[in-house]
Amino acid sequence: MVMMFLIIISLMGIGLLSMAGMELELYKRTEASRQAFFLAEAGAQRTQALLAVEGDWETSPGANVVFSEESFQDGTYTVHLENVSAGEATIVAEGTYPRTGTLRTTRRVRLVVER
């Protein structure tokens, strides 16, 4: 009877440890996703401010990369412009945040701005 009780308690303990490991991994992924989103958002806001100051939104084809692999905090962001016209542009910012080893989390933000 005591042996059966110890086996049940041991199995419950192993199950709890397994769940704790999965929760930790879920937390790490969620945090990396949040950080990647914030990096993309920072790049988009920086580009929006730059466009407001410069005023010249017209770019030649292929020259629409505003920031490439710009380091910020622990990650990077890349920003380029799409559908650029005299009065409107679409800012596409991509934030990348490292996780473990070579794994990375990437999030993209699109922002349409008008003059």
N, C-alpha and C. Protein backbone atom coordinates (compact mmCIF):
# COMPACT_ATOMS: atom_id res chain seq x y z
N MET A 1 0.82 -1.20 0.00
CA MET A 1 0.00 0.00 0.00
C MET A 1 0.87 1.26 0.00
N VAL A 2 1.89 1.26 0.86
CA VAL A 2 2.79 2.41 0.93
C VAL A 2 3.54 2.55 -0.39
N MET A 3 3.94 1.42 -0.97
CA MET A 3 4.66 1.45 -2.23
C MET A 3 3.80 2.04 -3.35
N MET A 4 2.54 1.68 -3.38
CA MET A 4 1.61 2.22 -4.38
C MET A 4 1.46 3.73 -4.20
N PHE A 5 1.36 4.19 -2.97
CA PHE A 5 1.26 5.62 -2.66
C PHE A 5 2.50 6.36 -3.15
N LEU A 6 3.68 5.82 -2.92
CA LEU A 6 4.93 6.45 -3.36
C LEU A 6 5.02 6.52 -4.88
N ILE A 7 4.55 5.49 -5.55
CA ILE A 7 4.56 5.49 -7.02
C ILE A 7 3.63 6.57 -7.55
N ILE A 8 2.45 6.68 -6.97
CA ILE A 8 1.49 7.70 -7.41
C ILE A 8 2.04 9.10 -7.17
N ILE A 9 2.60 9.34 -6.00
CA ILE A 9 3.19 10.64 -5.68
C ILE A 9 4.36 10.94 -6.63
N SER A 10 5.18 9.96 -6.92
CA SER A 10 6.32 10.14 -7.84
C SER A 10 5.84 10.50 -9.24
N LEU A 11 4.81 9.82 -9.73
CA LEU A 11 4.27 10.12 -11.05
C LEU A 11 3.67 11.52 -11.10
N MET A 12 3.01 11.92 -10.04
CA MET A 12 2.46 13.28 -9.98
C MET A 12 3.59 14.31 -9.99
N GLY A 13 4.66 14.05 -9.28
CA GLY A 13 5.81 14.95 -9.25
C GLY A 13 6.46 15.09 -10.62
N ILE A 14 6.61 13.96 -11.30
CA ILE A 14 7.19 13.98 -12.65
C ILE A 14 6.29 14.77 -13.59
N GLY A 15 5.00 14.58 -13.47
CA GLY A 15 4.05 15.32 -14.30
C GLY A 15 4.13 16.82 -14.06
N LEU A 16 4.24 17.22 -12.79
CA LEU A 16 4.34 18.63 -12.47
C LEU A 16 5.64 19.24 -13.00
N LEU A 17 6.73 18.52 -12.90
CA LEU A 17 8.00 19.01 -13.43
C LEU A 17 7.93 19.18 -14.95
N SER A 18 7.28 18.25 -15.61
CA SER A 18 7.13 18.33 -17.05
C SER A 18 6.30 19.55 -17.44
N MET A 19 5.22 19.77 -16.71
CA MET A 19 4.37 20.94 -16.99
C MET A 19 5.13 22.24 -16.74
N ALA A 20 5.94 22.28 -15.69
CA ALA A 20 6.72 23.48 -15.39
C ALA A 20 7.70 23.79 -16.51
N GLY A 21 8.32 22.75 -17.08
CA GLY A 21 9.24 22.94 -18.20
C GLY A 21 8.53 23.49 -19.43
N MET A 22 7.33 22.99 -19.70
CA MET A 22 6.56 23.48 -20.84
C MET A 22 6.12 24.92 -20.62
N GLU A 23 5.74 25.26 -19.39
CA GLU A 23 5.35 26.63 -19.08
C GLU A 23 6.51 27.60 -19.28
N LEU A 24 7.69 27.19 -18.88
CA LEU A 24 8.87 28.03 -19.04
C LEU A 24 9.16 28.27 -20.52
N GLU A 25 9.07 27.23 -21.33
CA GLU A 25 9.30 27.38 -22.77
C GLU A 25 8.25 28.29 -23.40
N LEU A 26 7.01 28.15 -23.00
CA LEU A 26 5.94 29.01 -23.50
C LEU A 26 6.20 30.46 -23.13
N TYR A 27 6.64 30.69 -21.90
CA TYR A 27 6.97 32.05 -21.46
C TYR A 27 8.09 32.64 -22.31
N LYS A 28 9.15 31.86 -22.56
CA LYS A 28 10.27 32.34 -23.36
C LYS A 28 9.83 32.71 -24.77
N ARG A 29 8.99 31.87 -25.37
CA ARG A 29 8.51 32.16 -26.72
C ARG A 29 7.64 33.42 -26.74
N THR A 30 6.77 33.54 -25.75
CA THR A 30 5.90 34.72 -25.68
C THR A 30 6.72 35.99 -25.49
N GLU A 31 7.70 35.94 -24.62
CA GLU A 31 8.55 37.10 -24.37
C GLU A 31 9.36 37.47 -25.61
N ALA A 32 9.89 36.49 -26.32
CA ALA A 32 10.64 36.76 -27.54
C ALA A 32 9.73 37.38 -28.60
N SER A 33 8.51 36.91 -28.68
CA SER A 33 7.54 37.46 -29.63
C SER A 33 7.22 38.91 -29.30
N ARG A 34 7.03 39.20 -28.03
CA ARG A 34 6.76 40.58 -27.60
C ARG A 34 7.93 41.49 -27.93
N GLN A 35 9.15 41.03 -27.64
CA GLN A 35 10.33 41.84 -27.90
C GLN A 35 10.50 42.10 -29.40
N ALA A 36 10.26 41.08 -30.23
CA ALA A 36 10.37 41.24 -31.68
C ALA A 36 9.33 42.25 -32.17
N PHE A 37 8.12 42.20 -31.63
CA PHE A 37 7.09 43.17 -32.01
C PHE A 37 7.50 44.58 -31.62
N PHE A 38 8.03 44.75 -30.41
CA PHE A 38 8.46 46.08 -29.95
C PHE A 38 9.60 46.61 -30.81
N LEU A 39 10.51 45.73 -31.25
CA LEU A 39 11.60 46.15 -32.14
C LEU A 39 11.03 46.64 -33.47
N ALA A 40 10.09 45.89 -34.04
CA ALA A 40 9.48 46.30 -35.30
C ALA A 40 8.75 47.63 -35.14
N GLU A 41 8.06 47.77 -34.04
CA GLU A 41 7.34 49.02 -33.78
C GLU A 41 8.30 50.19 -33.63
N ALA A 42 9.43 49.98 -32.97
CA ALA A 42 10.44 51.04 -32.81
C ALA A 42 10.98 51.46 -34.18
N GLY A 43 11.25 50.49 -35.04
CA GLY A 43 11.73 50.82 -36.38
C GLY A 43 10.71 51.60 -37.18
N ALA A 44 9.45 51.21 -37.08
CA ALA A 44 8.38 51.92 -37.80
C ALA A 44 8.24 53.34 -37.29
N GLN A 45 8.29 53.54 -35.99
CA GLN A 45 8.16 54.89 -35.43
C GLN A 45 9.36 55.76 -35.79
N ARG A 46 10.55 55.17 -35.78
CA ARG A 46 11.75 55.93 -36.16
C ARG A 46 11.65 56.37 -37.62
N THR A 47 11.16 55.48 -38.48
CA THR A 47 11.01 55.81 -39.90
C THR A 47 9.94 56.87 -40.09
N GLN A 48 8.86 56.77 -39.35
CA GLN A 48 7.79 57.77 -39.45
C GLN A 48 8.33 59.15 -39.06
N ALA A 49 9.11 59.20 -38.01
CA ALA A 49 9.70 60.49 -37.59
C ALA A 49 10.68 61.00 -38.65
N LEU A 50 11.46 60.11 -39.24
CA LEU A 50 12.41 60.49 -40.28
C LEU A 50 11.69 61.05 -41.51
N LEU A 51 10.60 60.42 -41.90
CA LEU A 51 9.82 60.90 -43.05
C LEU A 51 9.21 62.26 -42.77
N ALA A 52 8.78 62.47 -41.53
CA ALA A 52 8.19 63.76 -41.17
C ALA A 52 9.22 64.88 -41.26
N VAL A 53 10.46 64.59 -40.91
CA VAL A 53 11.51 65.60 -40.92
C VAL A 53 12.02 65.83 -42.34
N GLU A 54 12.30 64.75 -43.07
CA GLU A 54 12.87 64.88 -44.41
C GLU A 54 11.90 65.46 -45.42
N GLY A 55 10.68 64.98 -45.40
CA GLY A 55 9.68 65.49 -46.32
C GLY A 55 9.73 64.88 -47.71
N ASP A 56 10.86 64.32 -48.16
CA ASP A 56 10.98 63.72 -49.48
C ASP A 56 10.69 62.23 -49.38
N TRP A 57 9.50 61.83 -49.81
CA TRP A 57 9.09 60.44 -49.68
C TRP A 57 9.39 59.64 -50.93
N GLU A 58 9.64 60.33 -52.03
CA GLU A 58 9.88 59.65 -53.30
C GLU A 58 11.23 58.95 -53.25
N THR A 59 11.25 57.70 -53.59
CA THR A 59 12.51 56.94 -53.65
C THR A 59 12.58 56.24 -54.99
N SER A 60 13.79 56.04 -55.45
CA SER A 60 13.95 55.31 -56.70
C SER A 60 13.74 53.82 -56.44
N PRO A 61 13.36 53.05 -57.47
CA PRO A 61 13.14 51.62 -57.26
C PRO A 61 14.39 50.94 -56.72
N GLY A 62 14.20 50.09 -55.74
CA GLY A 62 15.32 49.37 -55.14
C GLY A 62 16.04 50.14 -54.05
N ALA A 63 15.71 51.41 -53.91
CA ALA A 63 16.37 52.22 -52.88
C ALA A 63 15.41 52.50 -51.72
N ASN A 64 14.49 51.59 -51.47
CA ASN A 64 13.47 51.84 -50.47
C ASN A 64 13.78 51.28 -49.10
N VAL A 65 15.00 50.76 -48.90
CA VAL A 65 15.38 50.26 -47.58
C VAL A 65 15.82 51.45 -46.74
N VAL A 66 15.13 51.68 -45.64
CA VAL A 66 15.44 52.81 -44.77
C VAL A 66 16.49 52.42 -43.74
N PHE A 67 16.26 51.30 -43.07
CA PHE A 67 17.21 50.78 -42.09
C PHE A 67 17.37 49.28 -42.35
N SER A 68 18.60 48.81 -42.35
CA SER A 68 18.84 47.40 -42.59
C SER A 68 19.61 46.81 -41.41
N GLU A 69 19.01 45.82 -40.74
CA GLU A 69 19.64 45.14 -39.60
C GLU A 69 20.17 46.13 -38.57
N GLU A 70 19.35 47.10 -38.25
CA GLU A 70 19.71 48.12 -37.26
C GLU A 70 19.61 47.50 -35.87
N SER A 71 20.70 47.55 -35.11
CA SER A 71 20.71 46.98 -33.76
C SER A 71 19.99 47.90 -32.78
N PHE A 72 19.20 47.29 -31.92
CA PHE A 72 18.49 48.03 -30.88
C PHE A 72 18.22 47.07 -29.73
N GLN A 73 18.64 47.45 -28.55
CA GLN A 73 18.54 46.57 -27.39
C GLN A 73 19.23 45.24 -27.70
N ASP A 74 18.55 44.13 -27.56
CA ASP A 74 19.16 42.82 -27.81
C ASP A 74 18.84 42.27 -29.19
N GLY A 75 18.08 43.00 -30.00
CA GLY A 75 17.68 42.49 -31.31
C GLY A 75 18.01 43.45 -32.42
N THR A 76 17.36 43.26 -33.56
CA THR A 76 17.56 44.13 -34.72
C THR A 76 16.22 44.42 -35.38
N TYR A 77 16.20 45.46 -36.19
CA TYR A 77 15.04 45.71 -37.03
C TYR A 77 15.49 46.17 -38.40
N THR A 78 14.66 45.85 -39.39
CA THR A 78 14.87 46.27 -40.76
C THR A 78 13.59 46.95 -41.22
N VAL A 79 13.73 48.09 -41.89
CA VAL A 79 12.56 48.85 -42.33
C VAL A 79 12.71 49.17 -43.81
N HIS A 80 11.63 48.99 -44.55
CA HIS A 80 11.60 49.45 -45.94
C HIS A 80 10.25 50.07 -46.24
N LEU A 81 10.21 50.81 -47.32
CA LEU A 81 8.98 51.50 -47.73
C LEU A 81 8.37 50.78 -48.92
N GLU A 82 7.04 50.77 -48.95
CA GLU A 82 6.29 50.21 -50.08
C GLU A 82 5.26 51.24 -50.52
N ASN A 83 4.85 51.15 -51.76
CA ASN A 83 3.77 52.00 -52.29
C ASN A 83 4.01 53.48 -51.99
N VAL A 84 5.20 53.93 -52.30
CA VAL A 84 5.55 55.33 -52.02
C VAL A 84 4.99 56.22 -53.11
N SER A 85 4.28 57.26 -52.68
CA SER A 85 3.79 58.28 -53.60
C SER A 85 4.03 59.63 -52.93
N ALA A 86 3.60 60.69 -53.58
CA ALA A 86 3.84 62.03 -53.03
C ALA A 86 3.12 62.24 -51.70
N GLY A 87 2.00 61.56 -51.51
CA GLY A 87 1.23 61.82 -50.30
C GLY A 87 1.08 60.66 -49.35
N GLU A 88 1.59 59.48 -49.72
CA GLU A 88 1.37 58.32 -48.88
C GLU A 88 2.52 57.32 -49.03
N ALA A 89 2.77 56.60 -47.96
CA ALA A 89 3.78 55.53 -48.00
C ALA A 89 3.40 54.46 -47.00
N THR A 90 3.80 53.24 -47.28
CA THR A 90 3.59 52.14 -46.35
C THR A 90 4.94 51.76 -45.76
N ILE A 91 5.03 51.87 -44.44
CA ILE A 91 6.25 51.49 -43.73
C ILE A 91 6.11 50.03 -43.32
N VAL A 92 7.06 49.21 -43.71
CA VAL A 92 7.07 47.80 -43.31
C VAL A 92 8.32 47.59 -42.46
N ALA A 93 8.10 47.30 -41.19
CA ALA A 93 9.22 47.11 -40.26
C ALA A 93 9.19 45.68 -39.75
N GLU A 94 10.37 45.08 -39.68
CA GLU A 94 10.49 43.70 -39.21
C GLU A 94 11.49 43.67 -38.06
N GLY A 95 11.02 43.23 -36.90
CA GLY A 95 11.87 43.11 -35.73
C GLY A 95 12.27 41.67 -35.51
N THR A 96 13.53 41.44 -35.16
CA THR A 96 14.04 40.09 -34.92
C THR A 96 14.70 40.06 -33.55
N TYR A 97 14.30 39.07 -32.76
CA TYR A 97 14.83 38.92 -31.41
C TYR A 97 15.37 37.51 -31.24
N PRO A 98 16.61 37.38 -30.74
CA PRO A 98 17.19 36.05 -30.57
C PRO A 98 16.54 35.30 -29.41
N ARG A 99 16.42 33.98 -29.59
CA ARG A 99 15.93 33.13 -28.50
C ARG A 99 17.09 32.31 -27.99
N THR A 100 17.10 31.04 -28.21
CA THR A 100 18.19 30.20 -27.73
C THR A 100 18.98 29.67 -28.92
N GLY A 101 20.28 29.65 -28.79
CA GLY A 101 21.11 29.13 -29.88
C GLY A 101 20.93 29.96 -31.13
N THR A 102 20.54 29.32 -32.22
CA THR A 102 20.36 30.03 -33.49
C THR A 102 18.90 30.37 -33.76
N LEU A 103 18.00 30.03 -32.86
CA LEU A 103 16.58 30.34 -33.05
C LEU A 103 16.33 31.83 -32.90
N ARG A 104 15.48 32.35 -33.76
CA ARG A 104 15.12 33.77 -33.71
C ARG A 104 13.60 33.89 -33.88
N THR A 105 13.06 34.95 -33.29
CA THR A 105 11.65 35.24 -33.45
C THR A 105 11.53 36.54 -34.24
N THR A 106 10.68 36.55 -35.24
CA THR A 106 10.52 37.73 -36.09
C THR A 106 9.05 38.14 -36.13
N ARG A 107 8.82 39.44 -36.02
CA ARG A 107 7.47 39.99 -36.14
C ARG A 107 7.52 41.16 -37.10
N ARG A 108 6.43 41.36 -37.85
CA ARG A 108 6.36 42.41 -38.86
C ARG A 108 5.22 43.37 -38.54
N VAL A 109 5.49 44.66 -38.78
CA VAL A 109 4.49 45.71 -38.57
C VAL A 109 4.35 46.49 -39.87
N ARG A 110 3.11 46.75 -40.28
CA ARG A 110 2.83 47.60 -41.46
C ARG A 110 2.13 48.84 -40.98
N LEU A 111 2.60 49.98 -41.49
CA LEU A 111 2.04 51.26 -41.07
C LEU A 111 1.88 52.13 -42.29
N VAL A 112 0.66 52.54 -42.58
CA VAL A 112 0.40 53.45 -43.72
C VAL A 112 0.38 54.87 -43.17
N VAL A 113 1.24 55.71 -43.74
CA VAL A 113 1.33 57.11 -43.28
C VAL A 113 0.99 58.04 -44.44
N GLU A 114 0.37 59.14 -44.10
CA GLU A 114 0.01 60.17 -45.09
C GLU A 114 0.64 61.48 -44.68
N ARG A 115 0.84 62.33 -45.66
CA ARG A 115 1.37 63.67 -45.34
C ARG A 115 0.29 64.50 -44.73
